[in-house]
Amino acid sequence: MIEQIKTQTGWAALDIEGPGENKQNASKGREIASRFHECFRTEAGQYVLNRLISITLLRPTVTPAATQFEAGIREGRADIVRQILTQLETAEKQ
């Protein structure tokens, strides 16, 4: 695969997915989103998700006493919750 990439130029060099891989990735993405939905749309999953939202997204990322490192950790935690919400949204659109 590396040799094939080395010989490509222009926009073709940016297309690193082989034939059929995009379709496989889309299928895998739908499966992942479905599993998130299966997990977090139960009563227990909804409880956990609401807790995660309240301790991440509904709290400030930066506080007056926070260091940049602490702010980065908080933002990373919040991003995981946003990813979960995105997966649920994806699953519900299917």
N, C-alpha and C. Protein backbone atom coordinates (compact mmCIF):
# COMPACT_ATOMS: atom_id res chain seq x y z
N MET A 1 0.83 -1.19 0.00
CA MET A 1 0.00 0.00 0.00
C MET A 1 0.87 1.25 0.00
N ILE A 2 1.98 1.25 0.73
CA ILE A 2 2.87 2.41 0.78
C ILE A 2 3.40 2.75 -0.61
N GLU A 3 3.79 1.74 -1.37
CA GLU A 3 4.31 1.98 -2.72
C GLU A 3 3.27 2.66 -3.60
N GLN A 4 2.03 2.22 -3.46
CA GLN A 4 0.94 2.81 -4.24
C GLN A 4 0.77 4.28 -3.88
N ILE A 5 0.87 4.59 -2.61
CA ILE A 5 0.71 5.98 -2.15
C ILE A 5 1.87 6.84 -2.65
N LYS A 6 3.07 6.29 -2.62
CA LYS A 6 4.26 7.04 -3.06
C LYS A 6 4.17 7.46 -4.52
N THR A 7 3.52 6.65 -5.35
CA THR A 7 3.45 6.94 -6.79
C THR A 7 2.32 7.89 -7.14
N GLN A 8 1.40 8.13 -6.25
CA GLN A 8 0.28 9.02 -6.53
C GLN A 8 0.68 10.47 -6.34
N THR A 9 0.09 11.34 -7.14
CA THR A 9 0.34 12.77 -7.02
C THR A 9 -0.98 13.51 -7.05
N GLY A 10 -0.96 14.76 -6.71
CA GLY A 10 -2.17 15.58 -6.75
C GLY A 10 -3.20 15.11 -5.74
N TRP A 11 -4.47 15.34 -6.08
CA TRP A 11 -5.55 14.98 -5.17
C TRP A 11 -5.64 13.48 -4.93
N ALA A 12 -5.23 12.67 -5.89
CA ALA A 12 -5.29 11.21 -5.72
C ALA A 12 -4.42 10.76 -4.56
N ALA A 13 -3.37 11.49 -4.27
CA ALA A 13 -2.48 11.13 -3.16
C ALA A 13 -3.17 11.27 -1.80
N LEU A 14 -4.20 12.08 -1.76
CA LEU A 14 -4.92 12.28 -0.50
C LEU A 14 -5.97 11.21 -0.25
N ASP A 15 -6.36 10.47 -1.26
CA ASP A 15 -7.37 9.42 -1.12
C ASP A 15 -6.67 8.12 -0.71
N ILE A 16 -6.60 7.88 0.59
CA ILE A 16 -5.84 6.71 1.07
C ILE A 16 -6.71 5.47 1.28
N GLU A 17 -8.01 5.61 1.14
CA GLU A 17 -8.88 4.45 1.28
C GLU A 17 -8.92 3.68 -0.03
N GLY A 18 -8.74 2.38 0.09
CA GLY A 18 -8.80 1.54 -1.08
C GLY A 18 -10.23 1.32 -1.53
N PRO A 19 -10.42 0.65 -2.66
CA PRO A 19 -11.78 0.38 -3.15
C PRO A 19 -12.59 -0.41 -2.13
N GLY A 20 -13.77 0.08 -1.84
CA GLY A 20 -14.67 -0.62 -0.93
C GLY A 20 -14.44 -0.31 0.54
N GLU A 21 -13.32 0.29 0.89
CA GLU A 21 -13.04 0.57 2.29
C GLU A 21 -13.99 1.61 2.86
N ASN A 22 -14.39 2.59 2.06
CA ASN A 22 -15.30 3.61 2.53
C ASN A 22 -16.64 3.00 2.93
N LYS A 23 -17.11 2.05 2.12
CA LYS A 23 -18.37 1.36 2.42
C LYS A 23 -18.25 0.55 3.71
N GLN A 24 -17.09 -0.10 3.89
CA GLN A 24 -16.85 -0.88 5.11
C GLN A 24 -16.78 0.04 6.33
N ASN A 25 -16.12 1.18 6.18
CA ASN A 25 -16.02 2.13 7.28
C ASN A 25 -17.40 2.68 7.66
N ALA A 26 -18.23 2.95 6.67
CA ALA A 26 -19.58 3.45 6.94
C ALA A 26 -20.38 2.40 7.69
N SER A 27 -20.26 1.16 7.29
CA SER A 27 -20.96 0.07 7.96
C SER A 27 -20.47 -0.08 9.40
N LYS A 28 -19.17 0.00 9.58
CA LYS A 28 -18.59 -0.11 10.91
C LYS A 28 -19.05 1.07 11.78
N GLY A 29 -19.11 2.26 11.20
CA GLY A 29 -19.56 3.44 11.92
C GLY A 29 -21.00 3.30 12.38
N ARG A 30 -21.86 2.75 11.51
CA ARG A 30 -23.26 2.54 11.89
C ARG A 30 -23.37 1.51 13.02
N GLU A 31 -22.53 0.48 12.97
CA GLU A 31 -22.53 -0.55 14.02
C GLU A 31 -22.11 0.06 15.36
N ILE A 32 -21.08 0.88 15.34
CA ILE A 32 -20.61 1.52 16.57
C ILE A 32 -21.70 2.42 17.14
N ALA A 33 -22.30 3.24 16.29
CA ALA A 33 -23.36 4.15 16.74
C ALA A 33 -24.53 3.36 17.31
N SER A 34 -24.87 2.25 16.67
CA SER A 34 -25.96 1.40 17.15
C SER A 34 -25.67 0.85 18.54
N ARG A 35 -24.42 0.46 18.78
CA ARG A 35 -24.04 -0.07 20.09
C ARG A 35 -24.10 1.01 21.17
N PHE A 36 -23.66 2.22 20.84
CA PHE A 36 -23.78 3.33 21.79
C PHE A 36 -25.25 3.56 22.12
N HIS A 37 -26.09 3.55 21.10
CA HIS A 37 -27.52 3.76 21.29
C HIS A 37 -28.11 2.67 22.18
N GLU A 38 -27.74 1.45 21.90
CA GLU A 38 -28.22 0.30 22.68
C GLU A 38 -27.84 0.46 24.16
N CYS A 39 -26.66 0.96 24.41
CA CYS A 39 -26.16 1.12 25.78
C CYS A 39 -26.78 2.32 26.49
N PHE A 40 -26.77 3.48 25.85
CA PHE A 40 -27.13 4.71 26.55
C PHE A 40 -28.60 5.07 26.46
N ARG A 41 -29.41 4.33 25.73
CA ARG A 41 -30.84 4.62 25.69
C ARG A 41 -31.65 3.76 26.64
N THR A 42 -30.96 2.93 27.42
CA THR A 42 -31.65 2.20 28.49
C THR A 42 -31.82 3.16 29.67
N GLU A 43 -32.62 2.75 30.65
CA GLU A 43 -32.81 3.60 31.82
C GLU A 43 -31.48 3.82 32.56
N ALA A 44 -30.73 2.75 32.74
CA ALA A 44 -29.43 2.86 33.42
C ALA A 44 -28.45 3.69 32.59
N GLY A 45 -28.43 3.47 31.29
CA GLY A 45 -27.55 4.22 30.41
C GLY A 45 -27.88 5.70 30.40
N GLN A 46 -29.17 6.01 30.41
CA GLN A 46 -29.60 7.41 30.44
C GLN A 46 -29.18 8.07 31.74
N TYR A 47 -29.26 7.32 32.84
CA TYR A 47 -28.83 7.84 34.14
C TYR A 47 -27.33 8.18 34.10
N VAL A 48 -26.53 7.24 33.59
CA VAL A 48 -25.08 7.44 33.49
C VAL A 48 -24.76 8.62 32.57
N LEU A 49 -25.42 8.69 31.43
CA LEU A 49 -25.18 9.77 30.48
C LEU A 49 -25.53 11.13 31.10
N ASN A 50 -26.65 11.21 31.78
CA ASN A 50 -27.02 12.46 32.44
C ASN A 50 -25.99 12.86 33.49
N ARG A 51 -25.45 11.87 34.21
CA ARG A 51 -24.41 12.15 35.20
C ARG A 51 -23.15 12.66 34.51
N LEU A 52 -22.76 12.01 33.42
CA LEU A 52 -21.58 12.45 32.67
C LEU A 52 -21.74 13.88 32.14
N ILE A 53 -22.93 14.18 31.64
CA ILE A 53 -23.20 15.53 31.14
C ILE A 53 -23.09 16.55 32.28
N SER A 54 -23.66 16.21 33.44
CA SER A 54 -23.65 17.17 34.55
C SER A 54 -22.25 17.41 35.11
N ILE A 55 -21.36 16.42 35.04
CA ILE A 55 -20.02 16.63 35.61
C ILE A 55 -18.99 17.07 34.57
N THR A 56 -19.42 17.18 33.31
CA THR A 56 -18.48 17.62 32.27
C THR A 56 -19.01 18.83 31.50
N LEU A 57 -20.03 18.62 30.70
CA LEU A 57 -20.52 19.68 29.81
C LEU A 57 -21.16 20.85 30.54
N LEU A 58 -21.75 20.59 31.68
CA LEU A 58 -22.44 21.65 32.41
C LEU A 58 -21.54 22.36 33.42
N ARG A 59 -20.28 22.00 33.44
CA ARG A 59 -19.31 22.67 34.31
C ARG A 59 -18.31 23.43 33.45
N PRO A 60 -17.78 24.52 33.97
CA PRO A 60 -16.80 25.28 33.18
C PRO A 60 -15.52 24.49 32.95
N THR A 61 -14.95 24.64 31.78
CA THR A 61 -13.68 23.99 31.46
C THR A 61 -12.54 24.68 32.18
N VAL A 62 -12.60 26.00 32.22
CA VAL A 62 -11.54 26.78 32.86
C VAL A 62 -12.13 27.50 34.07
N THR A 63 -11.44 27.38 35.17
CA THR A 63 -11.81 28.11 36.39
C THR A 63 -10.64 29.02 36.75
N PRO A 64 -10.88 30.02 37.60
CA PRO A 64 -9.79 30.95 37.93
C PRO A 64 -8.52 30.27 38.47
N ALA A 65 -8.67 29.19 39.22
CA ALA A 65 -7.52 28.53 39.82
C ALA A 65 -6.94 27.40 38.95
N ALA A 66 -7.57 27.11 37.82
CA ALA A 66 -7.16 25.98 36.99
C ALA A 66 -5.89 26.29 36.19
N THR A 67 -5.07 25.27 36.07
CA THR A 67 -3.91 25.39 35.18
C THR A 67 -4.34 25.00 33.77
N GLN A 68 -3.49 25.25 32.80
CA GLN A 68 -3.79 24.84 31.42
C GLN A 68 -3.94 23.32 31.35
N PHE A 69 -3.14 22.62 32.10
CA PHE A 69 -3.20 21.16 32.12
C PHE A 69 -4.57 20.70 32.62
N GLU A 70 -5.02 21.27 33.72
CA GLU A 70 -6.33 20.90 34.27
C GLU A 70 -7.45 21.23 33.29
N ALA A 71 -7.35 22.38 32.64
CA ALA A 71 -8.36 22.75 31.64
C ALA A 71 -8.36 21.76 30.49
N GLY A 72 -7.18 21.32 30.07
CA GLY A 72 -7.09 20.33 29.00
C GLY A 72 -7.72 19.00 29.38
N ILE A 73 -7.49 18.58 30.61
CA ILE A 73 -8.09 17.33 31.11
C ILE A 73 -9.61 17.46 31.11
N ARG A 74 -10.12 18.58 31.62
CA ARG A 74 -11.58 18.79 31.64
C ARG A 74 -12.16 18.80 30.24
N GLU A 75 -11.48 19.46 29.32
CA GLU A 75 -11.98 19.52 27.94
C GLU A 75 -11.96 18.13 27.31
N GLY A 76 -10.94 17.35 27.60
CA GLY A 76 -10.88 15.98 27.08
C GLY A 76 -12.03 15.12 27.58
N ARG A 77 -12.33 15.26 28.86
CA ARG A 77 -13.47 14.52 29.43
C ARG A 77 -14.78 14.96 28.77
N ALA A 78 -14.94 16.25 28.60
CA ALA A 78 -16.16 16.77 27.97
C ALA A 78 -16.26 16.29 26.52
N ASP A 79 -15.13 16.21 25.84
CA ASP A 79 -15.14 15.76 24.45
C ASP A 79 -15.62 14.31 24.34
N ILE A 80 -15.26 13.48 25.29
CA ILE A 80 -15.74 12.09 25.27
C ILE A 80 -17.26 12.07 25.37
N VAL A 81 -17.82 12.90 26.22
CA VAL A 81 -19.29 12.96 26.37
C VAL A 81 -19.91 13.48 25.07
N ARG A 82 -19.29 14.48 24.44
CA ARG A 82 -19.80 14.97 23.15
C ARG A 82 -19.75 13.87 22.09
N GLN A 83 -18.73 13.05 22.13
CA GLN A 83 -18.63 11.94 21.18
C GLN A 83 -19.76 10.94 21.40
N ILE A 84 -20.07 10.65 22.65
CA ILE A 84 -21.19 9.76 22.96
C ILE A 84 -22.49 10.34 22.40
N LEU A 85 -22.72 11.63 22.64
CA LEU A 85 -23.94 12.28 22.15
C LEU A 85 -24.00 12.26 20.62
N THR A 86 -22.86 12.43 19.97
CA THR A 86 -22.82 12.37 18.51
C THR A 86 -23.15 10.97 18.01
N GLN A 87 -22.64 9.96 18.69
CA GLN A 87 -22.95 8.57 18.30
C GLN A 87 -24.44 8.28 18.46
N LEU A 88 -25.04 8.79 19.52
CA LEU A 88 -26.48 8.58 19.72
C LEU A 88 -27.28 9.28 18.61
N GLU A 89 -26.87 10.48 18.28
CA GLU A 89 -27.54 11.23 17.20
C GLU A 89 -27.41 10.49 15.88
N THR A 90 -26.23 9.96 15.61
CA THR A 90 -25.99 9.19 14.38
C THR A 90 -26.91 7.97 14.32
N ALA A 91 -26.98 7.26 15.43
CA ALA A 91 -27.81 6.05 15.47
C ALA A 91 -29.28 6.38 15.26
N GLU A 92 -29.75 7.48 15.79
CA GLU A 92 -31.16 7.84 15.67
C GLU A 92 -31.52 8.33 14.27
N LYS A 93 -30.52 8.74 13.50
CA LYS A 93 -30.76 9.17 12.12
C LYS A 93 -30.84 7.98 11.16
N GLN A 94 -30.41 6.81 11.60
CA GLN A 94 -30.38 5.63 10.72
C GLN A 94 -31.78 5.10 10.47
